[in-house]
Structures are given as C-alpha cells and as structure tokens.
C-alpha cells in the first residue's frame, strides 16, 4: 500500500491543486483521497487502472470540496476583499 501511495502522491496533489488553486484545499483533497484508498483497499488490474482510480477519486473529492458551503462562502468573502 505504501508503494502505491508513493507512486501516485504527486499525481493526486497536482491534480487537486489544479482544481482548487489553493494549497490548503489541495492538501485536504489529497488527504481525503489517500484516506479513501486506505479505507477501501482497492485492488487494481494494472498500473493504468490504479492511475485512473486515483484520477477519478481526486476529481470527485475536488468537486465535493469546491461545492461545500464553507468554500463557497470563503470564496465569496475573498472576492469582496479584493474589490
């Protein structure tokens, strides 16, 4: 399991950051994806299947994070600070 995490950690973090553009939020998404991996312990048919699983879960976690009420409120408040 540790080997899989080491292999996919850069992909997951970069994808999470590309979705939210904030380090703290990308860290949270990364942790959520790795928690789901450790909790479910999926088996993969190939490295491509493994990579596809991490991409899909990262995108789903990113969508959930971006839709959260806190994120929407925080983003709205930050927009007013810069205007």
PDB file of N, CA and C in Angstrom:
ATOM      1  N   UNK A   1       0.816  -1.197   0.000  1.00  0.00           N
ATOM      2  CA  UNK A   1       0.000   0.000   0.000  1.00  0.00           C
ATOM      3  C   UNK A   1       0.860   1.262   0.000  1.00  0.00           C
ATOM      4  N   UNK A   2       1.919   1.209   0.772  1.00  0.00           N
ATOM      5  CA  UNK A   2       2.811   2.371   0.831  1.00  0.00           C
ATOM      6  C   UNK A   2       3.433   2.659  -0.532  1.00  0.00           C
ATOM      7  N   UNK A   3       3.741   1.594  -1.262  1.00  0.00           N
ATOM      8  CA  UNK A   3       4.329   1.738  -2.591  1.00  0.00           C
ATOM      9  C   UNK A   3       3.356   2.442  -3.546  1.00  0.00           C
ATOM     10  N   UNK A   4       2.087   2.098  -3.468  1.00  0.00           N
ATOM     11  CA  UNK A   4       1.068   2.724  -4.318  1.00  0.00           C
ATOM     12  C   UNK A   4       0.945   4.208  -3.975  1.00  0.00           C
ATOM     13  N   UNK A   5       0.901   4.517  -2.695  1.00  0.00           N
ATOM     14  CA  UNK A   5       0.800   5.923  -2.270  1.00  0.00           C
ATOM     15  C   UNK A   5       1.996   6.715  -2.772  1.00  0.00           C
ATOM     16  N   UNK A   6       3.182   6.165  -2.639  1.00  0.00           N
ATOM     17  CA  UNK A   6       4.383   6.863  -3.116  1.00  0.00           C
ATOM     18  C   UNK A   6       4.334   7.088  -4.624  1.00  0.00           C
ATOM     19  N   UNK A   7       3.815   6.103  -5.331  1.00  0.00           N
ATOM     20  CA  UNK A   7       3.766   6.180  -6.788  1.00  0.00           C
ATOM     21  C   UNK A   7       2.738   7.220  -7.269  1.00  0.00           C
ATOM     22  N   UNK A   8       1.630   7.378  -6.565  1.00  0.00           N
ATOM     23  CA  UNK A   8       0.536   8.230  -7.036  1.00  0.00           C
ATOM     24  C   UNK A   8       0.428   9.582  -6.327  1.00  0.00           C
ATOM     25  N   UNK A   9       1.235   9.824  -5.304  1.00  0.00           N
ATOM     26  CA  UNK A   9       1.067  11.044  -4.497  1.00  0.00           C
ATOM     27  C   UNK A   9       1.248  12.327  -5.302  1.00  0.00           C
ATOM     28  N   UNK A  10       2.221  12.381  -6.193  1.00  0.00           N
ATOM     29  CA  UNK A  10       2.445  13.605  -6.979  1.00  0.00           C
ATOM     30  C   UNK A  10       1.282  13.874  -7.929  1.00  0.00           C
ATOM     31  N   UNK A  11       0.800  12.839  -8.578  1.00  0.00           N
ATOM     32  CA  UNK A  11      -0.338  12.978  -9.482  1.00  0.00           C
ATOM     33  C   UNK A  11      -1.556  13.517  -8.737  1.00  0.00           C
ATOM     34  N   UNK A  12      -1.869  12.927  -7.593  1.00  0.00           N
ATOM     35  CA  UNK A  12      -3.040  13.319  -6.821  1.00  0.00           C
ATOM     36  C   UNK A  12      -2.917  14.770  -6.370  1.00  0.00           C
ATOM     37  N   UNK A  13      -1.777  15.148  -5.832  1.00  0.00           N
ATOM     38  CA  UNK A  13      -1.625  16.519  -5.335  1.00  0.00           C
ATOM     39  C   UNK A  13      -1.700  17.538  -6.479  1.00  0.00           C
ATOM     40  N   UNK A  14      -1.003  17.269  -7.572  1.00  0.00           N
ATOM     41  CA  UNK A  14      -1.018  18.216  -8.696  1.00  0.00           C
ATOM     42  C   UNK A  14      -2.419  18.381  -9.274  1.00  0.00           C
ATOM     43  N   UNK A  15      -3.135  17.274  -9.385  1.00  0.00           N
ATOM     44  CA  UNK A  15      -4.497  17.342  -9.910  1.00  0.00           C
ATOM     45  C   UNK A  15      -5.410  18.099  -8.944  1.00  0.00           C
ATOM     46  N   UNK A  16      -5.281  17.830  -7.661  1.00  0.00           N
ATOM     47  CA  UNK A  16      -6.090  18.538  -6.659  1.00  0.00           C
ATOM     48  C   UNK A  16      -5.808  20.036  -6.710  1.00  0.00           C
ATOM     49  N   UNK A  17      -4.538  20.399  -6.778  1.00  0.00           N
ATOM     50  CA  UNK A  17      -4.177  21.821  -6.823  1.00  0.00           C
ATOM     51  C   UNK A  17      -4.677  22.476  -8.108  1.00  0.00           C
ATOM     52  N   UNK A  18      -4.629  21.746  -9.213  1.00  0.00           N
ATOM     53  CA  UNK A  18      -5.105  22.320 -10.479  1.00  0.00           C
ATOM     54  C   UNK A  18      -6.612  22.577 -10.447  1.00  0.00           C
ATOM     55  N   UNK A  19      -7.324  21.850  -9.595  1.00  0.00           N
ATOM     56  CA  UNK A  19      -8.764  22.029  -9.492  1.00  0.00           C
ATOM     57  C   UNK A  19      -9.153  23.195  -8.576  1.00  0.00           C
ATOM     58  N   UNK A  20      -8.401  23.385  -7.488  1.00  0.00           N
ATOM     59  CA  UNK A  20      -8.823  24.374  -6.487  1.00  0.00           C
ATOM     60  C   UNK A  20      -7.910  25.602  -6.405  1.00  0.00           C
ATOM     61  N   UNK A  21      -6.678  25.508  -6.853  1.00  0.00           N
ATOM     62  CA  UNK A  21      -5.729  26.633  -6.880  1.00  0.00           C
ATOM     63  C   UNK A  21      -5.368  27.173  -5.498  1.00  0.00           C
ATOM     64  N   UNK A  22      -5.563  26.371  -4.463  1.00  0.00           N
ATOM     65  CA  UNK A  22      -5.203  26.791  -3.106  1.00  0.00           C
ATOM     66  C   UNK A  22      -4.491  25.630  -2.412  1.00  0.00           C
ATOM     67  N   UNK A  23      -3.336  25.925  -1.832  1.00  0.00           N
ATOM     68  CA  UNK A  23      -2.522  24.886  -1.205  1.00  0.00           C
ATOM     69  C   UNK A  23      -3.266  24.152  -0.089  1.00  0.00           C
ATOM     70  N   UNK A  24      -3.902  24.899   0.804  1.00  0.00           N
ATOM     71  CA  UNK A  24      -4.590  24.261   1.935  1.00  0.00           C
ATOM     72  C   UNK A  24      -5.708  23.339   1.464  1.00  0.00           C
ATOM     73  N   UNK A  25      -6.453  23.777   0.493  1.00  0.00           N
ATOM     74  CA  UNK A  25      -7.547  22.966  -0.016  1.00  0.00           C
ATOM     75  C   UNK A  25      -7.001  21.744  -0.767  1.00  0.00           C
ATOM     76  N   UNK A  26      -5.925  21.911  -1.511  1.00  0.00           N
ATOM     77  CA  UNK A  26      -5.305  20.785  -2.209  1.00  0.00           C
ATOM     78  C   UNK A  26      -4.786  19.760  -1.200  1.00  0.00           C
ATOM     79  N   UNK A  27      -4.229  20.235  -0.084  1.00  0.00           N
ATOM     80  CA  UNK A  27      -3.774  19.326   0.975  1.00  0.00           C
ATOM     81  C   UNK A  27      -4.937  18.511   1.531  1.00  0.00           C
ATOM     82  N   UNK A  28      -6.069  19.164   1.757  1.00  0.00           N
ATOM     83  CA  UNK A  28      -7.257  18.472   2.276  1.00  0.00           C
ATOM     84  C   UNK A  28      -7.768  17.430   1.289  1.00  0.00           C
ATOM     85  N   UNK A  29      -7.807  17.780   0.026  1.00  0.00           N
ATOM     86  CA  UNK A  29      -8.263  16.850  -1.002  1.00  0.00           C
ATOM     87  C   UNK A  29      -7.315  15.662  -1.074  1.00  0.00           C
ATOM     88  N   UNK A  30      -6.022  15.935  -1.057  1.00  0.00           N
ATOM     89  CA  UNK A  30      -5.014  14.867  -1.083  1.00  0.00           C
ATOM     90  C   UNK A  30      -5.237  13.896   0.078  1.00  0.00           C
ATOM     91  N   UNK A  31      -5.411  14.428   1.271  1.00  0.00           N
ATOM     92  CA  UNK A  31      -5.625  13.580   2.440  1.00  0.00           C
ATOM     93  C   UNK A  31      -6.907  12.770   2.312  1.00  0.00           C
ATOM     94  N   UNK A  32      -7.932  13.371   1.786  1.00  0.00           N
ATOM     95  CA  UNK A  32      -9.203  12.674   1.608  1.00  0.00           C
ATOM     96  C   UNK A  32      -9.053  11.513   0.620  1.00  0.00           C
ATOM     97  N   UNK A  33      -8.359  11.742  -0.486  1.00  0.00           N
ATOM     98  CA  UNK A  33      -8.145  10.692  -1.482  1.00  0.00           C
ATOM     99  C   UNK A  33      -7.347   9.540  -0.871  1.00  0.00           C
ATOM    100  N   UNK A  34      -6.286   9.854  -0.149  1.00  0.00           N
ATOM    101  CA  UNK A  34      -5.464   8.801   0.441  1.00  0.00           C
ATOM    102  C   UNK A  34      -6.223   8.051   1.535  1.00  0.00           C
ATOM    103  N   UNK A  35      -7.065   8.760   2.273  1.00  0.00           N
ATOM    104  CA  UNK A  35      -7.903   8.105   3.280  1.00  0.00           C
ATOM    105  C   UNK A  35      -8.847   7.109   2.605  1.00  0.00           C
ATOM    106  N   UNK A  36      -9.456   7.521   1.505  1.00  0.00           N
ATOM    107  CA  UNK A  36     -10.364   6.622   0.780  1.00  0.00           C
ATOM    108  C   UNK A  36      -9.618   5.398   0.263  1.00  0.00           C
ATOM    109  N   UNK A  37      -8.407   5.617  -0.215  1.00  0.00           N
ATOM    110  CA  UNK A  37      -7.604   4.484  -0.690  1.00  0.00           C
ATOM    111  C   UNK A  37      -7.317   3.516   0.460  1.00  0.00           C
ATOM    112  N   UNK A  38      -6.860   4.039   1.578  1.00  0.00           N
ATOM    113  CA  UNK A  38      -6.521   3.179   2.718  1.00  0.00           C
ATOM    114  C   UNK A  38      -7.750   2.487   3.293  1.00  0.00           C
ATOM    115  N   UNK A  39      -8.877   3.169   3.287  1.00  0.00           N
ATOM    116  CA  UNK A  39     -10.106   2.599   3.838  1.00  0.00           C
ATOM    117  C   UNK A  39     -10.659   1.484   2.942  1.00  0.00           C
ATOM    118  N   UNK A  40     -10.665   1.702   1.637  1.00  0.00           N
ATOM    119  CA  UNK A  40     -11.273   0.747   0.695  1.00  0.00           C
ATOM    120  C   UNK A  40     -10.328  -0.361   0.246  1.00  0.00           C
ATOM    121  N   UNK A  41      -9.035  -0.070   0.274  1.00  0.00           N
ATOM    122  CA  UNK A  41      -8.015  -1.040  -0.157  1.00  0.00           C
ATOM    123  C   UNK A  41      -8.374  -1.699  -1.491  1.00  0.00           C
ATOM    124  N   UNK A  42      -8.578  -0.893  -2.523  1.00  0.00           N
ATOM    125  CA  UNK A  42      -8.956  -1.488  -3.819  1.00  0.00           C
ATOM    126  C   UNK A  42      -7.787  -2.253  -4.439  1.00  0.00           C
ATOM    127  N   UNK A  43      -8.120  -3.247  -5.217  1.00  0.00           N
ATOM    128  CA  UNK A  43      -7.072  -3.952  -5.962  1.00  0.00           C
ATOM    129  C   UNK A  43      -7.194  -3.505  -7.417  1.00  0.00           C
ATOM    130  N   UNK A  44      -6.072  -3.378  -8.056  1.00  0.00           N
ATOM    131  CA  UNK A  44      -6.034  -2.862  -9.416  1.00  0.00           C
ATOM    132  C   UNK A  44      -5.511  -3.931 -10.362  1.00  0.00           C
ATOM    133  N   UNK A  45      -6.077  -3.951 -11.560  1.00  0.00           N
ATOM    134  CA  UNK A  45      -5.662  -4.926 -12.578  1.00  0.00           C
ATOM    135  C   UNK A  45      -4.327  -4.549 -13.208  1.00  0.00           C
ATOM    136  N   UNK A  46      -4.054  -3.246 -13.226  1.00  0.00           N
ATOM    137  CA  UNK A  46      -2.834  -2.752 -13.864  1.00  0.00           C
ATOM    138  C   UNK A  46      -2.490  -1.382 -13.295  1.00  0.00           C
ATOM    139  N   UNK A  47      -1.320  -0.883 -13.665  1.00  0.00           N
ATOM    140  CA  UNK A  47      -0.920   0.465 -13.241  1.00  0.00           C
ATOM    141  C   UNK A  47      -1.841   1.520 -13.853  1.00  0.00           C
ATOM    142  N   UNK A  48      -2.334   1.259 -15.062  1.00  0.00           N
ATOM    143  CA  UNK A  48      -3.256   2.204 -15.703  1.00  0.00           C
ATOM    144  C   UNK A  48      -4.578   2.271 -14.939  1.00  0.00           C
ATOM    145  N   UNK A  49      -5.056   1.123 -14.488  1.00  0.00           N
ATOM    146  CA  UNK A  49      -6.290   1.072 -13.700  1.00  0.00           C
ATOM    147  C   UNK A  49      -6.099   1.810 -12.370  1.00  0.00           C
ATOM    148  N   UNK A  50      -4.954   1.611 -11.749  1.00  0.00           N
ATOM    149  CA  UNK A  50      -4.623   2.299 -10.493  1.00  0.00           C
ATOM    150  C   UNK A  50      -4.626   3.810 -10.703  1.00  0.00           C
ATOM    151  N   UNK A  51      -3.955   4.254 -11.746  1.00  0.00           N
ATOM    152  CA  UNK A  51      -3.871   5.689 -12.035  1.00  0.00           C
ATOM    153  C   UNK A  51      -5.255   6.268 -12.321  1.00  0.00           C
ATOM    154  N   UNK A  52      -6.056   5.544 -13.095  1.00  0.00           N
ATOM    155  CA  UNK A  52      -7.412   6.002 -13.411  1.00  0.00           C
ATOM    156  C   UNK A  52      -8.257   6.119 -12.147  1.00  0.00           C
ATOM    157  N   UNK A  53      -8.117   5.186 -11.212  1.00  0.00           N
ATOM    158  CA  UNK A  53      -8.859   5.233  -9.954  1.00  0.00           C
ATOM    159  C   UNK A  53      -8.486   6.486  -9.170  1.00  0.00           C
ATOM    160  N   UNK A  54      -7.197   6.753  -9.047  1.00  0.00           N
ATOM    161  CA  UNK A  54      -6.748   7.935  -8.299  1.00  0.00           C
ATOM    162  C   UNK A  54      -7.203   9.232  -8.979  1.00  0.00           C
ATOM    163  N   UNK A  55      -7.182   9.276 -10.291  1.00  0.00           N
ATOM    164  CA  UNK A  55      -7.646  10.475 -11.001  1.00  0.00           C
ATOM    165  C   UNK A  55      -9.130  10.690 -10.738  1.00  0.00           C
ATOM    166  N   UNK A  56      -9.935   9.653 -10.897  1.00  0.00           N
ATOM    167  CA  UNK A  56     -11.386   9.774 -10.708  1.00  0.00           C
ATOM    168  C   UNK A  56     -11.719  10.180  -9.283  1.00  0.00           C
ATOM    169  N   UNK A  57     -11.101   9.544  -8.295  1.00  0.00           N
ATOM    170  CA  UNK A  57     -11.385   9.866  -6.893  1.00  0.00           C
ATOM    171  C   UNK A  57     -10.930  11.285  -6.568  1.00  0.00           C
ATOM    172  N   UNK A  58      -9.796  11.694  -7.094  1.00  0.00           N
ATOM    173  CA  UNK A  58      -9.314  13.060  -6.862  1.00  0.00           C
ATOM    174  C   UNK A  58     -10.271  14.088  -7.454  1.00  0.00           C
ATOM    175  N   UNK A  59     -10.738  13.847  -8.662  1.00  0.00           N
ATOM    176  CA  UNK A  59     -11.694  14.771  -9.276  1.00  0.00           C
ATOM    177  C   UNK A  59     -13.001  14.813  -8.493  1.00  0.00           C
ATOM    178  N   UNK A  60     -13.474  13.671  -8.046  1.00  0.00           N
ATOM    179  CA  UNK A  60     -14.707  13.643  -7.248  1.00  0.00           C
ATOM    180  C   UNK A  60     -14.531  14.383  -5.929  1.00  0.00           C
ATOM    181  N   UNK A  61     -13.426  14.148  -5.247  1.00  0.00           N
ATOM    182  CA  UNK A  61     -13.168  14.839  -3.980  1.00  0.00           C
ATOM    183  C   UNK A  61     -13.020  16.345  -4.205  1.00  0.00           C
ATOM    184  N   UNK A  62     -12.432  16.719  -5.319  1.00  0.00           N
ATOM    185  CA  UNK A  62     -12.280  18.135  -5.645  1.00  0.00           C
ATOM    186  C   UNK A  62     -13.634  18.783  -5.859  1.00  0.00           C
ATOM    187  N   UNK A  63     -14.520  18.105  -6.588  1.00  0.00           N
ATOM    188  CA  UNK A  63     -15.866  18.644  -6.825  1.00  0.00           C
ATOM    189  C   UNK A  63     -16.615  18.824  -5.506  1.00  0.00           C
ATOM    190  N   UNK A  64     -16.528  17.830  -4.650  1.00  0.00           N
ATOM    191  CA  UNK A  64     -17.196  17.907  -3.347  1.00  0.00           C
ATOM    192  C   UNK A  64     -16.644  19.083  -2.549  1.00  0.00           C
ATOM    193  N   UNK A  65     -15.331  19.210  -2.545  1.00  0.00           N
ATOM    194  CA  UNK A  65     -14.691  20.285  -1.791  1.00  0.00           C
ATOM    195  C   UNK A  65     -15.086  21.656  -2.330  1.00  0.00           C
ATOM    196  N   UNK A  66     -15.109  21.787  -3.642  1.00  0.00           N
ATOM    197  CA  UNK A  66     -15.444  23.075  -4.248  1.00  0.00           C
ATOM    198  C   UNK A  66     -16.916  23.438  -4.065  1.00  0.00           C
ATOM    199  N   UNK A  67     -17.773  22.443  -3.897  1.00  0.00           N
ATOM    200  CA  UNK A  67     -19.197  22.697  -3.709  1.00  0.00           C
ATOM    201  C   UNK A  67     -19.571  22.946  -2.252  1.00  0.00           C
ATOM    202  N   UNK A  68     -18.662  22.678  -1.346  1.00  0.00           N
ATOM    203  CA  UNK A  68     -19.003  22.790   0.071  1.00  0.00           C
ATOM    204  C   UNK A  68     -19.399  24.223   0.421  1.00  0.00           C
ATOM    205  N   UNK A  69     -20.299  24.352   1.343  1.00  0.00           N
ATOM    206  CA  UNK A  69     -20.803  25.665   1.744  1.00  0.00           C
ATOM    207  C   UNK A  69     -19.671  26.556   2.246  1.00  0.00           C
ATOM    208  N   UNK A  70     -18.744  25.992   3.003  1.00  0.00           N
ATOM    209  CA  UNK A  70     -17.641  26.786   3.538  1.00  0.00           C
ATOM    210  C   UNK A  70     -16.816  27.366   2.408  1.00  0.00           C
ATOM    211  N   UNK A  71     -16.524  26.567   1.414  1.00  0.00           N
ATOM    212  CA  UNK A  71     -15.713  27.033   0.289  1.00  0.00           C
ATOM    213  C   UNK A  71     -16.432  28.136  -0.468  1.00  0.00           C
ATOM    214  N   UNK A  72     -17.703  27.946  -0.720  1.00  0.00           N
ATOM    215  CA  UNK A  72     -18.472  28.959  -1.442  1.00  0.00           C
ATOM    216  C   UNK A  72     -18.489  30.263  -0.649  1.00  0.00           C
ATOM    217  N   UNK A  73     -18.717  30.185   0.651  1.00  0.00           N
ATOM    218  CA  UNK A  73     -18.749  31.382   1.500  1.00  0.00           C
ATOM    219  C   UNK A  73     -17.383  32.048   1.554  1.00  0.00           C
ATOM    220  N   UNK A  74     -16.332  31.253   1.727  1.00  0.00           N
ATOM    221  CA  UNK A  74     -14.981  31.782   1.817  1.00  0.00           C
ATOM    222  C   UNK A  74     -14.589  32.481   0.515  1.00  0.00           C
ATOM    223  N   UNK A  75     -14.890  31.851  -0.610  1.00  0.00           N
ATOM    224  CA  UNK A  75     -14.568  32.431  -1.901  1.00  0.00           C
ATOM    225  C   UNK A  75     -15.341  33.726  -2.106  1.00  0.00           C
ATOM    226  N   UNK A  76     -16.588  33.739  -1.708  1.00  0.00           N
ATOM    227  CA  UNK A  76     -17.411  34.938  -1.831  1.00  0.00           C
ATOM    228  C   UNK A  76     -16.833  36.086  -0.989  1.00  0.00           C
ATOM    229  N   UNK A  77     -16.421  35.776   0.231  1.00  0.00           N
ATOM    230  CA  UNK A  77     -15.828  36.799   1.088  1.00  0.00           C
ATOM    231  C   UNK A  77     -14.518  37.316   0.532  1.00  0.00           C
ATOM    232  N   UNK A  78     -13.692  36.428  -0.003  1.00  0.00           N
ATOM    233  CA  UNK A  78     -12.407  36.855  -0.574  1.00  0.00           C
ATOM    234  C   UNK A  78     -12.624  37.738  -1.783  1.00  0.00           C
ATOM    235  N   UNK A  79     -13.641  37.479  -2.568  1.00  0.00           N
ATOM    236  CA  UNK A  79     -13.932  38.291  -3.751  1.00  0.00           C
ATOM    237  C   UNK A  79     -14.276  39.720  -3.333  1.00  0.00           C
ATOM    238  N   UNK A  80     -14.978  39.865  -2.218  1.00  0.00           N
ATOM    239  CA  UNK A  80     -15.339  41.197  -1.736  1.00  0.00           C
ATOM    240  C   UNK A  80     -14.135  41.943  -1.158  1.00  0.00           C
ATOM    241  N   UNK A  81     -13.173  41.192  -0.622  1.00  0.00           N
ATOM    242  CA  UNK A  81     -11.961  41.824  -0.078  1.00  0.00           C
ATOM    243  C   UNK A  81     -11.123  42.461  -1.178  1.00  0.00           C
ATOM    244  N   UNK A  82     -11.085  41.830  -2.346  1.00  0.00           N
ATOM    245  CA  UNK A  82     -10.231  42.310  -3.431  1.00  0.00           C
ATOM    246  C   UNK A  82     -10.911  43.414  -4.260  1.00  0.00           C
ATOM    247  N   UNK A  83     -12.214  43.603  -4.099  1.00  0.00           N
ATOM    248  CA  UNK A  83     -12.877  44.647  -4.895  1.00  0.00           C
ATOM    249  C   UNK A  83     -12.823  45.990  -4.237  1.00  0.00           C
TER     250      UNK A  83
END
